[in-house]
Amino acid sequence: MKKKRRNQTLKQGKPALLPLIIGTGFGSGFWPWGPGTAGALLATVIWIGASYVFTPLWLLILTFVLILIFTPWGVWADNRLEPYWGEDPSRVVVDEMVGVWIALLVAMPDVWWQPWVAFLLFRFFDIVKPLGIRRMEDLPGGVGVMMDDVLAGVYSAVILLAINFIIR
């Protein structure tokens, strides 16, 4: 659940296009039934599509680059959108995209169920917010928006690594 700032005066009008595109995960954040799930699903589908184009090494590099690019862009976009939509708006889903990409860093692209387990683990940690994830939301502005999902992605990656260790 997204937190809301009390007594916040919101700007009128429309936000700039670039933060809107980045922040809403190319529009997936406008999905009315679970925008966070829609953003994470889009990121997972992008990764699966890329797995058919790139070798596993290049897919790993691409995923890492996406995380490195979209994490600061997500902070920037959220900071530009919060004045219009409030603190940690549900339409901002770039944080979910980065979080699931972190989980996908350890997924094996040649094993069909791996990206889906990464997706489900990430959504579990993102929704339940155990083990200090919720405290990340207390960080200011876009940093707090991004960091709780980064930590959820890290926890998901650790669990997926453990699963891979057990089954191999």
C-alpha atoms as a PDB file:
ATOM      1  CA  MET A   1       0.000   0.000   0.000  1.00  0.00           C
ATOM      2  CA  LYS A   2       1.348   3.399  -0.936  1.00  0.00           C
ATOM      3  CA  LYS A   3       1.682   5.943   1.850  1.00  0.00           C
ATOM      4  CA  LYS A   4       0.099   9.372   1.585  1.00  0.00           C
ATOM      5  CA  ARG A   5       1.366  12.670   2.949  1.00  0.00           C
ATOM      6  CA  ARG A   6      -1.165  14.550   5.063  1.00  0.00           C
ATOM      7  CA  ASN A   7      -2.225  18.092   4.225  1.00  0.00           C
ATOM      8  CA  GLN A   8      -0.343  18.083   0.959  1.00  0.00           C
ATOM      9  CA  THR A   9      -1.190  20.722  -1.618  1.00  0.00           C
ATOM     10  CA  LEU A  10      -0.971  19.213  -5.076  1.00  0.00           C
ATOM     11  CA  LYS A  11      -0.062  21.100  -8.223  1.00  0.00           C
ATOM     12  CA  GLN A  12      -2.741  21.515 -10.835  1.00  0.00           C
ATOM     13  CA  GLY A  13      -2.236  20.607 -14.467  1.00  0.00           C
ATOM     14  CA  LYS A  14      -0.278  17.830 -16.073  1.00  0.00           C
ATOM     15  CA  PRO A  15       3.250  16.703 -15.236  1.00  0.00           C
ATOM     16  CA  ALA A  16       6.000  16.786 -17.855  1.00  0.00           C
ATOM     17  CA  LEU A  17       5.986  13.948 -20.378  1.00  0.00           C
ATOM     18  CA  LEU A  18       9.409  12.365 -19.699  1.00  0.00           C
ATOM     19  CA  PRO A  19       8.922  11.835 -15.942  1.00  0.00           C
ATOM     20  CA  LEU A  20       5.413  10.594 -16.736  1.00  0.00           C
ATOM     21  CA  ILE A  21       6.714   7.969 -19.185  1.00  0.00           C
ATOM     22  CA  ILE A  22       9.544   6.825 -16.920  1.00  0.00           C
ATOM     23  CA  GLY A  23       7.623   6.970 -13.646  1.00  0.00           C
ATOM     24  CA  THR A  24       4.566   5.107 -14.902  1.00  0.00           C
ATOM     25  CA  GLY A  25       6.679   2.380 -16.473  1.00  0.00           C
ATOM     26  CA  PHE A  26       5.768   3.362 -20.023  1.00  0.00           C
ATOM     27  CA  GLY A  27       2.132   3.748 -18.982  1.00  0.00           C
ATOM     28  CA  SER A  28       1.732   0.427 -17.154  1.00  0.00           C
ATOM     29  CA  GLY A  29       1.146   2.357 -13.923  1.00  0.00           C
ATOM     30  CA  PHE A  30      -2.199   3.516 -15.284  1.00  0.00           C
ATOM     31  CA  TRP A  31      -3.530  -0.062 -15.124  1.00  0.00           C
ATOM     32  CA  PRO A  32      -6.486   0.304 -12.707  1.00  0.00           C
ATOM     33  CA  TRP A  33      -6.209  -3.124 -11.016  1.00  0.00           C
ATOM     34  CA  GLY A  34      -2.797  -3.433  -9.402  1.00  0.00           C
ATOM     35  CA  PRO A  35      -0.515  -0.957 -11.164  1.00  0.00           C
ATOM     36  CA  GLY A  36       2.533  -2.241  -9.247  1.00  0.00           C
ATOM     37  CA  THR A  37       1.877  -5.751 -10.498  1.00  0.00           C
ATOM     38  CA  ALA A  38       1.414  -4.389 -14.023  1.00  0.00           C
ATOM     39  CA  GLY A  39       4.782  -2.597 -13.857  1.00  0.00           C
ATOM     40  CA  ALA A  40       6.582  -5.664 -12.493  1.00  0.00           C
ATOM     41  CA  LEU A  41       4.887  -7.845 -15.101  1.00  0.00           C
ATOM     42  CA  LEU A  42       5.960  -5.514 -17.919  1.00  0.00           C
ATOM     43  CA  ALA A  43       9.558  -5.607 -16.671  1.00  0.00           C
ATOM     44  CA  THR A  44       9.425  -9.411 -16.497  1.00  0.00           C
ATOM     45  CA  VAL A  45       8.022  -9.673 -20.026  1.00  0.00           C
ATOM     46  CA  ILE A  46      10.714  -7.282 -21.310  1.00  0.00           C
ATOM     47  CA  TRP A  47      13.354  -9.498 -19.667  1.00  0.00           C
ATOM     48  CA  ILE A  48      11.849 -12.689 -21.102  1.00  0.00           C
ATOM     49  CA  GLY A  49      11.743 -11.112 -24.577  1.00  0.00           C
ATOM     50  CA  ALA A  50      15.364 -10.013 -24.215  1.00  0.00           C
ATOM     51  CA  SER A  51      16.316 -13.563 -23.186  1.00  0.00           C
ATOM     52  CA  TYR A  52      15.386 -14.718 -26.709  1.00  0.00           C
ATOM     53  CA  VAL A  53      17.609 -12.076 -28.304  1.00  0.00           C
ATOM     54  CA  PHE A  54      20.694 -11.973 -26.060  1.00  0.00           C
ATOM     55  CA  THR A  55      23.079 -14.610 -24.772  1.00  0.00           C
ATOM     56  CA  PRO A  56      22.879 -15.203 -20.996  1.00  0.00           C
ATOM     57  CA  LEU A  57      25.961 -13.033 -20.421  1.00  0.00           C
ATOM     58  CA  TRP A  58      24.594 -10.137 -22.482  1.00  0.00           C
ATOM     59  CA  LEU A  59      21.192 -10.522 -20.806  1.00  0.00           C
ATOM     60  CA  LEU A  60      22.902 -10.216 -17.415  1.00  0.00           C
ATOM     61  CA  ILE A  61      24.752  -7.095 -18.596  1.00  0.00           C
ATOM     62  CA  LEU A  62      21.564  -5.604 -20.070  1.00  0.00           C
ATOM     63  CA  THR A  63      19.629  -6.265 -16.858  1.00  0.00           C
ATOM     64  CA  PHE A  64      22.374  -4.669 -14.778  1.00  0.00           C
ATOM     65  CA  VAL A  65      22.456  -1.623 -17.087  1.00  0.00           C
ATOM     66  CA  LEU A  66      18.643  -1.275 -16.883  1.00  0.00           C
ATOM     67  CA  ILE A  67      18.895  -1.272 -13.082  1.00  0.00           C
ATOM     68  CA  LEU A  68      21.712   1.289 -13.116  1.00  0.00           C
ATOM     69  CA  ILE A  69      19.814   3.587 -15.491  1.00  0.00           C
ATOM     70  CA  PHE A  70      16.273   3.290 -14.169  1.00  0.00           C
ATOM     71  CA  THR A  71      17.116   3.566 -10.456  1.00  0.00           C
ATOM     72  CA  PRO A  72      18.266   7.215 -10.604  1.00  0.00           C
ATOM     73  CA  TRP A  73      15.727   7.995 -13.327  1.00  0.00           C
ATOM     74  CA  GLY A  74      13.032   6.532 -11.074  1.00  0.00           C
ATOM     75  CA  VAL A  75      14.096   8.779  -8.184  1.00  0.00           C
ATOM     76  CA  TRP A  76      14.097  11.762 -10.527  1.00  0.00           C
ATOM     77  CA  ALA A  77      10.720  10.897 -12.094  1.00  0.00           C
ATOM     78  CA  ASP A  78       9.033  10.275  -8.746  1.00  0.00           C
ATOM     79  CA  ASN A  79      10.331  13.586  -7.379  1.00  0.00           C
ATOM     80  CA  ARG A  80       8.783  15.318 -10.420  1.00  0.00           C
ATOM     81  CA  LEU A  81       5.444  13.461 -10.154  1.00  0.00           C
ATOM     82  CA  GLU A  82       4.828  13.657  -6.386  1.00  0.00           C
ATOM     83  CA  PRO A  83       3.884  17.369  -6.510  1.00  0.00           C
ATOM     84  CA  TYR A  84       1.042  16.421  -8.900  1.00  0.00           C
ATOM     85  CA  TRP A  85      -0.047  13.037  -7.521  1.00  0.00           C
ATOM     86  CA  GLY A  86       1.041  13.013  -3.871  1.00  0.00           C
ATOM     87  CA  GLU A  87       3.670  11.077  -1.989  1.00  0.00           C
ATOM     88  CA  ASP A  88       4.569   7.636  -3.417  1.00  0.00           C
ATOM     89  CA  PRO A  89       1.754   7.623  -5.984  1.00  0.00           C
ATOM     90  CA  SER A  90       0.473   4.203  -7.010  1.00  0.00           C
ATOM     91  CA  ARG A  91       0.833   5.139 -10.689  1.00  0.00           C
ATOM     92  CA  VAL A  92       4.609   5.369 -10.265  1.00  0.00           C
ATOM     93  CA  VAL A  93       5.777   1.807 -10.982  1.00  0.00           C
ATOM     94  CA  VAL A  94       9.356   2.266 -12.193  1.00  0.00           C
ATOM     95  CA  ASP A  95      10.359   1.148  -8.700  1.00  0.00           C
ATOM     96  CA  GLU A  96       8.613  -2.194  -9.225  1.00  0.00           C
ATOM     97  CA  MET A  97      10.331  -2.576 -12.596  1.00  0.00           C
ATOM     98  CA  VAL A  98      13.778  -2.043 -11.059  1.00  0.00           C
ATOM     99  CA  GLY A  99      12.970  -4.360  -8.149  1.00  0.00           C
ATOM    100  CA  VAL A 100      11.939  -7.250 -10.370  1.00  0.00           C
ATOM    101  CA  TRP A 101      14.982  -6.709 -12.613  1.00  0.00           C
ATOM    102  CA  ILE A 102      17.162  -7.098  -9.502  1.00  0.00           C
ATOM    103  CA  ALA A 103      15.460 -10.421  -8.776  1.00  0.00           C
ATOM    104  CA  LEU A 104      15.917 -11.429 -12.423  1.00  0.00           C
ATOM    105  CA  LEU A 105      19.687 -10.885 -12.213  1.00  0.00           C
ATOM    106  CA  VAL A 106      19.980 -14.409 -10.777  1.00  0.00           C
ATOM    107  CA  ALA A 107      17.270 -16.079 -12.882  1.00  0.00           C
ATOM    108  CA  MET A 108      18.366 -18.654 -15.421  1.00  0.00           C
ATOM    109  CA  PRO A 109      16.938 -17.571 -18.791  1.00  0.00           C
ATOM    110  CA  ASP A 110      16.893 -21.120 -20.158  1.00  0.00           C
ATOM    111  CA  VAL A 111      14.636 -22.392 -17.350  1.00  0.00           C
ATOM    112  CA  TRP A 112      11.070 -21.328 -18.176  1.00  0.00           C
ATOM    113  CA  TRP A 113       9.810 -20.975 -14.594  1.00  0.00           C
ATOM    114  CA  GLN A 114      12.715 -18.895 -13.251  1.00  0.00           C
ATOM    115  CA  PRO A 115      11.479 -15.440 -14.341  1.00  0.00           C
ATOM    116  CA  TRP A 116       8.010 -16.214 -13.010  1.00  0.00           C
ATOM    117  CA  VAL A 117       9.372 -17.294  -9.621  1.00  0.00           C
ATOM    118  CA  ALA A 118      11.467 -14.099  -9.533  1.00  0.00           C
ATOM    119  CA  PHE A 119       8.318 -12.107 -10.331  1.00  0.00           C
ATOM    120  CA  LEU A 120       6.243 -13.861  -7.621  1.00  0.00           C
ATOM    121  CA  LEU A 121       8.975 -13.574  -4.993  1.00  0.00           C
ATOM    122  CA  PHE A 122       9.400  -9.890  -5.753  1.00  0.00           C
ATOM    123  CA  ARG A 123       5.668  -9.195  -5.543  1.00  0.00           C
ATOM    124  CA  PHE A 124       5.505 -11.078  -2.222  1.00  0.00           C
ATOM    125  CA  PHE A 125       8.303  -9.000  -0.677  1.00  0.00           C
ATOM    126  CA  ASP A 126       6.965  -5.789  -2.230  1.00  0.00           C
ATOM    127  CA  ILE A 127       3.464  -6.317  -0.836  1.00  0.00           C
ATOM    128  CA  VAL A 128       4.282  -7.823   2.595  1.00  0.00           C
ATOM    129  CA  LYS A 129       7.386  -5.624   3.166  1.00  0.00           C
ATOM    130  CA  PRO A 130       9.138  -7.717   5.836  1.00  0.00           C
ATOM    131  CA  LEU A 131      12.718  -7.479   7.141  1.00  0.00           C
ATOM    132  CA  GLY A 132      13.224  -3.714   6.999  1.00  0.00           C
ATOM    133  CA  ILE A 133      11.664  -3.143   3.582  1.00  0.00           C
ATOM    134  CA  ARG A 134       8.928  -0.938   5.049  1.00  0.00           C
ATOM    135  CA  ARG A 135      11.544   1.244   6.779  1.00  0.00           C
ATOM    136  CA  MET A 136      13.024   2.116   3.383  1.00  0.00           C
ATOM    137  CA  GLU A 137       9.807   4.019   2.628  1.00  0.00           C
ATOM    138  CA  ASP A 138      10.812   6.527   5.323  1.00  0.00           C
ATOM    139  CA  LEU A 139      13.663   7.783   3.175  1.00  0.00           C
ATOM    140  CA  PRO A 140      12.788  11.114   1.547  1.00  0.00           C
ATOM    141  CA  GLY A 141      10.990  11.464  -1.800  1.00  0.00           C
ATOM    142  CA  GLY A 142      11.922   9.302  -4.738  1.00  0.00           C
ATOM    143  CA  VAL A 143      14.772   7.637  -2.841  1.00  0.00           C
ATOM    144  CA  GLY A 144      12.308   6.026  -0.424  1.00  0.00           C
ATOM    145  CA  VAL A 145      10.009   5.057  -3.281  1.00  0.00           C
ATOM    146  CA  MET A 146      12.846   3.257  -5.068  1.00  0.00           C
ATOM    147  CA  MET A 147      14.744   1.768  -2.136  1.00  0.00           C
ATOM    148  CA  ASP A 148      11.955  -0.365  -0.680  1.00  0.00           C
ATOM    149  CA  ASP A 149      11.616  -2.096  -4.051  1.00  0.00           C
ATOM    150  CA  VAL A 150      15.381  -2.394  -4.455  1.00  0.00           C
ATOM    151  CA  LEU A 151      15.534  -4.211  -1.111  1.00  0.00           C
ATOM    152  CA  ALA A 152      12.534  -6.393  -2.060  1.00  0.00           C
ATOM    153  CA  GLY A 153      14.404  -7.280  -5.262  1.00  0.00           C
ATOM    154  CA  VAL A 154      17.557  -8.150  -3.309  1.00  0.00           C
ATOM    155  CA  TYR A 155      15.620 -10.441  -0.950  1.00  0.00           C
ATOM    156  CA  SER A 156      13.920 -12.069  -3.941  1.00  0.00           C
ATOM    157  CA  ALA A 157      17.269 -12.641  -5.639  1.00  0.00           C
ATOM    158  CA  VAL A 158      18.694 -14.256  -2.483  1.00  0.00           C
ATOM    159  CA  ILE A 159      15.717 -16.637  -2.229  1.00  0.00           C
ATOM    160  CA  LEU A 160      15.949 -17.507  -5.937  1.00  0.00           C
ATOM    161  CA  LEU A 161      19.689 -18.180  -5.533  1.00  0.00           C
ATOM    162  CA  ALA A 162      18.887 -20.502  -2.620  1.00  0.00           C
ATOM    163  CA  ILE A 163      16.277 -22.315  -4.712  1.00  0.00           C
ATOM    164  CA  ASN A 164      18.803 -22.736  -7.523  1.00  0.00           C
ATOM    165  CA  PHE A 165      21.434 -24.013  -5.085  1.00  0.00           C
ATOM    166  CA  ILE A 166      19.009 -26.587  -3.643  1.00  0.00           C
ATOM    167  CA  ILE A 167      17.770 -27.923  -6.977  1.00  0.00           C
ATOM    168  CA  ARG A 168      21.185 -28.118  -8.675  1.00  0.00           C
END
